[in-house]
Amino acid sequence: MSLSQMAVAKIYGRAAEHKITATALAEASGISRVTLSNWRNGRSSPTMEAFLTVEKTLEEMIAAKANG
């Protein structure tokens, strides 16, 4: 498993932990669910900018759920 796959797997894990779907995360991040899936399965790798966008979006979604 590549480093980018491990990082994306961590994002998927945090999303699942907070009951956030990959589809919702992808839409909120402005990428397709297929792209996110391709990153997870190693078919492609995210750019650093794209990865950080998804990570930031996930943290914002988690915070929004926590705040109600």
PDB file of N, CA and C in Angstrom:
ATOM      1  N   MET A   1       0.856  -1.171   0.000  1.00  0.00           N
ATOM      2  CA  MET A   1       0.000   0.000   0.000  1.00  0.00           C
ATOM      3  C   MET A   1       0.907   1.241   0.000  1.00  0.00           C
ATOM      4  N   SER A   2       0.612   2.146  -0.909  1.00  0.00           N
ATOM      5  CA  SER A   2       1.428   3.355  -1.003  1.00  0.00           C
ATOM      6  C   SER A   2       1.072   4.336   0.115  1.00  0.00           C
ATOM      7  N   LEU A   3       1.933   5.302   0.276  1.00  0.00           N
ATOM      8  CA  LEU A   3       1.706   6.320   1.294  1.00  0.00           C
ATOM      9  C   LEU A   3       0.407   7.073   1.025  1.00  0.00           C
ATOM     10  N   SER A   4       0.134   7.412  -0.237  1.00  0.00           N
ATOM     11  CA  SER A   4      -1.102   8.138  -0.538  1.00  0.00           C
ATOM     12  C   SER A   4      -2.323   7.257  -0.276  1.00  0.00           C
ATOM     13  N   GLN A   5      -2.226   5.970  -0.560  1.00  0.00           N
ATOM     14  CA  GLN A   5      -3.347   5.065  -0.260  1.00  0.00           C
ATOM     15  C   GLN A   5      -3.593   4.990   1.235  1.00  0.00           C
ATOM     16  N   MET A   6      -2.529   4.948   2.027  1.00  0.00           N
ATOM     17  CA  MET A   6      -2.689   4.910   3.477  1.00  0.00           C
ATOM     18  C   MET A   6      -3.339   6.197   3.979  1.00  0.00           C
ATOM     19  N   ALA A   7      -2.928   7.328   3.426  1.00  0.00           N
ATOM     20  CA  ALA A   7      -3.503   8.612   3.838  1.00  0.00           C
ATOM     21  C   ALA A   7      -4.980   8.683   3.466  1.00  0.00           C
ATOM     22  N   VAL A   8      -5.322   8.225   2.274  1.00  0.00           N
ATOM     23  CA  VAL A   8      -6.722   8.235   1.844  1.00  0.00           C
ATOM     24  C   VAL A   8      -7.527   7.248   2.685  1.00  0.00           C
ATOM     25  N   ALA A   9      -6.941   6.100   3.007  1.00  0.00           N
ATOM     26  CA  ALA A   9      -7.631   5.120   3.853  1.00  0.00           C
ATOM     27  C   ALA A   9      -7.926   5.726   5.225  1.00  0.00           C
ATOM     28  N   LYS A  10      -7.012   6.534   5.734  1.00  0.00           N
ATOM     29  CA  LYS A  10      -7.228   7.203   7.018  1.00  0.00           C
ATOM     30  C   LYS A  10      -8.420   8.158   6.920  1.00  0.00           C
ATOM     31  N   ILE A  11      -8.520   8.875   5.817  1.00  0.00           N
ATOM     32  CA  ILE A  11      -9.654   9.782   5.609  1.00  0.00           C
ATOM     33  C   ILE A  11     -10.950   8.980   5.557  1.00  0.00           C
ATOM     34  N   TYR A  12     -10.960   7.885   4.812  1.00  0.00           N
ATOM     35  CA  TYR A  12     -12.155   7.037   4.738  1.00  0.00           C
ATOM     36  C   TYR A  12     -12.542   6.538   6.128  1.00  0.00           C
ATOM     37  N   GLY A  13     -11.553   6.155   6.910  1.00  0.00           N
ATOM     38  CA  GLY A  13     -11.824   5.661   8.256  1.00  0.00           C
ATOM     39  C   GLY A  13     -12.447   6.723   9.146  1.00  0.00           C
ATOM     40  N   ARG A  14     -11.894   7.931   9.096  1.00  0.00           N
ATOM     41  CA  ARG A  14     -12.460   9.033   9.898  1.00  0.00           C
ATOM     42  C   ARG A  14     -13.864   9.374   9.423  1.00  0.00           C
ATOM     43  N   ALA A  15     -14.068   9.357   8.125  1.00  0.00           N
ATOM     44  CA  ALA A  15     -15.402   9.647   7.594  1.00  0.00           C
ATOM     45  C   ALA A  15     -16.395   8.604   8.088  1.00  0.00           C
ATOM     46  N   ALA A  16     -16.031   7.345   8.002  1.00  0.00           N
ATOM     47  CA  ALA A  16     -16.925   6.267   8.449  1.00  0.00           C
ATOM     48  C   ALA A  16     -17.203   6.376   9.946  1.00  0.00           C
ATOM     49  N   GLU A  17     -16.192   6.725  10.697  1.00  0.00           N
ATOM     50  CA  GLU A  17     -16.326   6.880  12.152  1.00  0.00           C
ATOM     51  C   GLU A  17     -17.393   7.931  12.495  1.00  0.00           C
ATOM     52  N   HIS A  18     -17.515   8.929  11.643  1.00  0.00           N
ATOM     53  CA  HIS A  18     -18.471  10.015  11.876  1.00  0.00           C
ATOM     54  C   HIS A  18     -19.701   9.918  10.973  1.00  0.00           C
ATOM     55  N   LYS A  19     -19.856   8.736  10.357  1.00  0.00           N
ATOM     56  CA  LYS A  19     -21.014   8.445   9.501  1.00  0.00           C
ATOM     57  C   LYS A  19     -21.159   9.455   8.356  1.00  0.00           C
ATOM     58  N   ILE A  20     -20.034   9.764   7.735  1.00  0.00           N
ATOM     59  CA  ILE A  20     -20.005  10.624   6.554  1.00  0.00           C
ATOM     60  C   ILE A  20     -19.681   9.731   5.368  1.00  0.00           C
ATOM     61  N   THR A  21     -20.547   9.741   4.376  1.00  0.00           N
ATOM     62  CA  THR A  21     -20.337   8.872   3.224  1.00  0.00           C
ATOM     63  C   THR A  21     -19.264   9.425   2.301  1.00  0.00           C
ATOM     64  N   ALA A  22     -18.671   8.533   1.526  1.00  0.00           N
ATOM     65  CA  ALA A  22     -17.685   8.951   0.530  1.00  0.00           C
ATOM     66  C   ALA A  22     -18.326   9.885  -0.488  1.00  0.00           C
ATOM     67  N   THR A  23     -19.571   9.622  -0.831  1.00  0.00           N
ATOM     68  CA  THR A  23     -20.278  10.469  -1.787  1.00  0.00           C
ATOM     69  C   THR A  23     -20.438  11.883  -1.237  1.00  0.00           C
ATOM     70  N   ALA A  24     -20.863  12.000   0.016  1.00  0.00           N
ATOM     71  CA  ALA A  24     -21.036  13.316   0.631  1.00  0.00           C
ATOM     72  C   ALA A  24     -19.697  14.042   0.733  1.00  0.00           C
ATOM     73  N   LEU A  25     -18.655  13.327   1.100  1.00  0.00           N
ATOM     74  CA  LEU A  25     -17.333  13.926   1.217  1.00  0.00           C
ATOM     75  C   LEU A  25     -16.833  14.406  -0.136  1.00  0.00           C
ATOM     76  N   ALA A  26     -16.994  13.575  -1.144  1.00  0.00           N
ATOM     77  CA  ALA A  26     -16.552  13.943  -2.489  1.00  0.00           C
ATOM     78  C   ALA A  26     -17.297  15.176  -2.989  1.00  0.00           C
ATOM     79  N   GLU A  27     -18.614  15.170  -2.844  1.00  0.00           N
ATOM     80  CA  GLU A  27     -19.406  16.309  -3.305  1.00  0.00           C
ATOM     81  C   GLU A  27     -19.000  17.591  -2.587  1.00  0.00           C
ATOM     82  N   ALA A  28     -18.838  17.524  -1.281  1.00  0.00           N
ATOM     83  CA  ALA A  28     -18.472  18.705  -0.498  1.00  0.00           C
ATOM     84  C   ALA A  28     -17.068  19.196  -0.850  1.00  0.00           C
ATOM     85  N   SER A  29     -16.217  18.278  -1.297  1.00  0.00           N
ATOM     86  CA  SER A  29     -14.839  18.621  -1.649  1.00  0.00           C
ATOM     87  C   SER A  29     -14.702  19.105  -3.078  1.00  0.00           C
ATOM     88  N   GLY A  30     -15.748  18.907  -3.868  1.00  0.00           N
ATOM     89  CA  GLY A  30     -15.694  19.323  -5.267  1.00  0.00           C
ATOM     90  C   GLY A  30     -14.993  18.338  -6.184  1.00  0.00           C
ATOM     91  N   ILE A  31     -14.957  17.069  -5.772  1.00  0.00           N
ATOM     92  CA  ILE A  31     -14.395  16.023  -6.629  1.00  0.00           C
ATOM     93  C   ILE A  31     -15.448  14.946  -6.809  1.00  0.00           C
ATOM     94  N   SER A  32     -15.212  14.043  -7.747  1.00  0.00           N
ATOM     95  CA  SER A  32     -16.191  12.973  -7.947  1.00  0.00           C
ATOM     96  C   SER A  32     -15.931  11.830  -6.973  1.00  0.00           C
ATOM     97  N   ARG A  33     -16.975  11.081  -6.691  1.00  0.00           N
ATOM     98  CA  ARG A  33     -16.848   9.912  -5.828  1.00  0.00           C
ATOM     99  C   ARG A  33     -15.928   8.890  -6.480  1.00  0.00           C
ATOM    100  N   VAL A  34     -15.973   8.807  -7.812  1.00  0.00           N
ATOM    101  CA  VAL A  34     -15.114   7.868  -8.539  1.00  0.00           C
ATOM    102  C   VAL A  34     -13.644   8.232  -8.343  1.00  0.00           C
ATOM    103  N   THR A  35     -13.342   9.520  -8.380  1.00  0.00           N
ATOM    104  CA  THR A  35     -11.967   9.960  -8.151  1.00  0.00           C
ATOM    105  C   THR A  35     -11.508   9.559  -6.756  1.00  0.00           C
ATOM    106  N   LEU A  36     -12.341   9.796  -5.768  1.00  0.00           N
ATOM    107  CA  LEU A  36     -12.008   9.416  -4.396  1.00  0.00           C
ATOM    108  C   LEU A  36     -11.796   7.908  -4.299  1.00  0.00           C
ATOM    109  N   SER A  37     -12.652   7.146  -4.951  1.00  0.00           N
ATOM    110  CA  SER A  37     -12.524   5.694  -4.970  1.00  0.00           C
ATOM    111  C   SER A  37     -11.228   5.259  -5.660  1.00  0.00           C
ATOM    112  N   ASN A  38     -10.892   5.924  -6.755  1.00  0.00           N
ATOM    113  CA  ASN A  38      -9.641   5.597  -7.458  1.00  0.00           C
ATOM    114  C   ASN A  38      -8.426   5.852  -6.584  1.00  0.00           C
ATOM    115  N   TRP A  39      -8.467   6.910  -5.788  1.00  0.00           N
ATOM    116  CA  TRP A  39      -7.371   7.171  -4.858  1.00  0.00           C
ATOM    117  C   TRP A  39      -7.271   6.044  -3.849  1.00  0.00           C
ATOM    118  N   ARG A  40      -8.412   5.648  -3.326  1.00  0.00           N
ATOM    119  CA  ARG A  40      -8.426   4.609  -2.278  1.00  0.00           C
ATOM    120  C   ARG A  40      -7.907   3.282  -2.797  1.00  0.00           C
ATOM    121  N   ASN A  41      -8.250   2.974  -4.047  1.00  0.00           N
ATOM    122  CA  ASN A  41      -7.873   1.684  -4.621  1.00  0.00           C
ATOM    123  C   ASN A  41      -6.533   1.706  -5.341  1.00  0.00           C
ATOM    124  N   GLY A  42      -5.843   2.850  -5.312  1.00  0.00           N
ATOM    125  CA  GLY A  42      -4.521   2.933  -5.905  1.00  0.00           C
ATOM    126  C   GLY A  42      -4.503   3.065  -7.413  1.00  0.00           C
ATOM    127  N   ARG A  43      -5.663   3.307  -8.019  1.00  0.00           N
ATOM    128  CA  ARG A  43      -5.702   3.486  -9.473  1.00  0.00           C
ATOM    129  C   ARG A  43      -5.165   4.846  -9.888  1.00  0.00           C
ATOM    130  N   SER A  44      -5.200   5.791  -8.965  1.00  0.00           N
ATOM    131  CA  SER A  44      -4.602   7.112  -9.177  1.00  0.00           C
ATOM    132  C   SER A  44      -4.227   7.667  -7.813  1.00  0.00           C
ATOM    133  N   SER A  45      -3.440   8.714  -7.833  1.00  0.00           N
ATOM    134  CA  SER A  45      -3.010   9.341  -6.576  1.00  0.00           C
ATOM    135  C   SER A  45      -3.436  10.801  -6.579  1.00  0.00           C
ATOM    136  N   PRO A  46      -3.846  11.293  -5.428  1.00  0.00           N
ATOM    137  CA  PRO A  46      -4.249  12.699  -5.366  1.00  0.00           C
ATOM    138  C   PRO A  46      -3.032  13.619  -5.400  1.00  0.00           C
ATOM    139  N   THR A  47      -3.247  14.806  -5.919  1.00  0.00           N
ATOM    140  CA  THR A  47      -2.219  15.828  -5.759  1.00  0.00           C
ATOM    141  C   THR A  47      -2.246  16.232  -4.292  1.00  0.00           C
ATOM    142  N   MET A  48      -1.203  16.854  -3.842  1.00  0.00           N
ATOM    143  CA  MET A  48      -1.165  17.308  -2.450  1.00  0.00           C
ATOM    144  C   MET A  48      -2.304  18.286  -2.198  1.00  0.00           C
ATOM    145  N   GLU A  49      -2.530  19.195  -3.139  1.00  0.00           N
ATOM    146  CA  GLU A  49      -3.599  20.180  -2.985  1.00  0.00           C
ATOM    147  C   GLU A  49      -4.966  19.507  -2.876  1.00  0.00           C
ATOM    148  N   ALA A  50      -5.228  18.534  -3.736  1.00  0.00           N
ATOM    149  CA  ALA A  50      -6.517  17.838  -3.699  1.00  0.00           C
ATOM    150  C   ALA A  50      -6.683  17.066  -2.400  1.00  0.00           C
ATOM    151  N   PHE A  51      -5.624  16.393  -1.966  1.00  0.00           N
ATOM    152  CA  PHE A  51      -5.691  15.640  -0.719  1.00  0.00           C
ATOM    153  C   PHE A  51      -5.991  16.565   0.453  1.00  0.00           C
ATOM    154  N   LEU A  52      -5.289  17.684   0.522  1.00  0.00           N
ATOM    155  CA  LEU A  52      -5.493  18.620   1.621  1.00  0.00           C
ATOM    156  C   LEU A  52      -6.893  19.221   1.594  1.00  0.00           C
ATOM    157  N   THR A  53      -7.433  19.428   0.401  1.00  0.00           N
ATOM    158  CA  THR A  53      -8.804  19.935   0.278  1.00  0.00           C
ATOM    159  C   THR A  53      -9.792  18.938   0.862  1.00  0.00           C
ATOM    160  N   VAL A  54      -9.632  17.675   0.517  1.00  0.00           N
ATOM    161  CA  VAL A  54     -10.530  16.636   1.024  1.00  0.00           C
ATOM    162  C   VAL A  54     -10.380  16.507   2.533  1.00  0.00           C
ATOM    163  N   GLU A  55      -9.163  16.520   3.011  1.00  0.00           N
ATOM    164  CA  GLU A  55      -8.920  16.408   4.448  1.00  0.00           C
ATOM    165  C   GLU A  55      -9.554  17.581   5.211  1.00  0.00           C
ATOM    166  N   LYS A  56      -9.376  18.788   4.689  1.00  0.00           N
ATOM    167  CA  LYS A  56      -9.956  19.968   5.328  1.00  0.00           C
ATOM    168  C   LYS A  56     -11.476  19.915   5.299  1.00  0.00           C
ATOM    169  N   THR A  57     -12.022  19.495   4.170  1.00  0.00           N
ATOM    170  CA  THR A  57     -13.478  19.376   4.044  1.00  0.00           C
ATOM    171  C   THR A  57     -14.025  18.384   5.052  1.00  0.00           C
ATOM    172  N   LEU A  58     -13.347  17.250   5.210  1.00  0.00           N
ATOM    173  CA  LEU A  58     -13.786  16.243   6.171  1.00  0.00           C
ATOM    174  C   LEU A  58     -13.798  16.824   7.580  1.00  0.00           C
ATOM    175  N   GLU A  59     -12.747  17.522   7.953  1.00  0.00           N
ATOM    176  CA  GLU A  59     -12.683  18.112   9.294  1.00  0.00           C
ATOM    177  C   GLU A  59     -13.812  19.128   9.493  1.00  0.00           C
ATOM    178  N   GLU A  60     -14.118  19.896   8.460  1.00  0.00           N
ATOM    179  CA  GLU A  60     -15.221  20.852   8.546  1.00  0.00           C
ATOM    180  C   GLU A  60     -16.564  20.132   8.701  1.00  0.00           C
ATOM    181  N   MET A  61     -16.736  19.033   7.973  1.00  0.00           N
ATOM    182  CA  MET A  61     -17.982  18.268   8.068  1.00  0.00           C
ATOM    183  C   MET A  61     -18.131  17.653   9.465  1.00  0.00           C
ATOM    184  N   ILE A  62     -17.033  17.152  10.016  1.00  0.00           N
ATOM    185  CA  ILE A  62     -17.066  16.568  11.366  1.00  0.00           C
ATOM    186  C   ILE A  62     -17.432  17.656  12.383  1.00  0.00           C
ATOM    187  N   ALA A  63     -16.802  18.823  12.248  1.00  0.00           N
ATOM    188  CA  ALA A  63     -17.086  19.928  13.169  1.00  0.00           C
ATOM    189  C   ALA A  63     -18.546  20.362  13.059  1.00  0.00           C
ATOM    190  N   ALA A  64     -19.071  20.413  11.843  1.00  0.00           N
ATOM    191  CA  ALA A  64     -20.460  20.826  11.642  1.00  0.00           C
ATOM    192  C   ALA A  64     -21.423  19.830  12.289  1.00  0.00           C
ATOM    193  N   LYS A  65     -21.100  18.534  12.169  1.00  0.00           N
ATOM    194  CA  LYS A  65     -21.953  17.526  12.815  1.00  0.00           C
ATOM    195  C   LYS A  65     -21.898  17.654  14.336  1.00  0.00           C
ATOM    196  N   ALA A  66     -20.724  17.957  14.856  1.00  0.00           N
ATOM    197  CA  ALA A  66     -20.561  18.076  16.306  1.00  0.00           C
ATOM    198  C   ALA A  66     -21.303  19.299  16.851  1.00  0.00           C
ATOM    199  N   ASN A  67     -21.409  20.327  16.028  1.00  0.00           N
ATOM    200  CA  ASN A  67     -22.052  21.563  16.450  1.00  0.00           C
ATOM    201  C   ASN A  67     -23.540  21.617  16.119  1.00  0.00           C
ATOM    202  N   GLY A  68     -24.023  20.525  15.588  1.00  0.00           N
ATOM    203  CA  GLY A  68     -25.413  20.441  15.469  1.00  0.00           C
ATOM    204  C   GLY A  68     -26.232  20.512  14.341  1.00  0.00           C
TER     205      GLY A  68
END
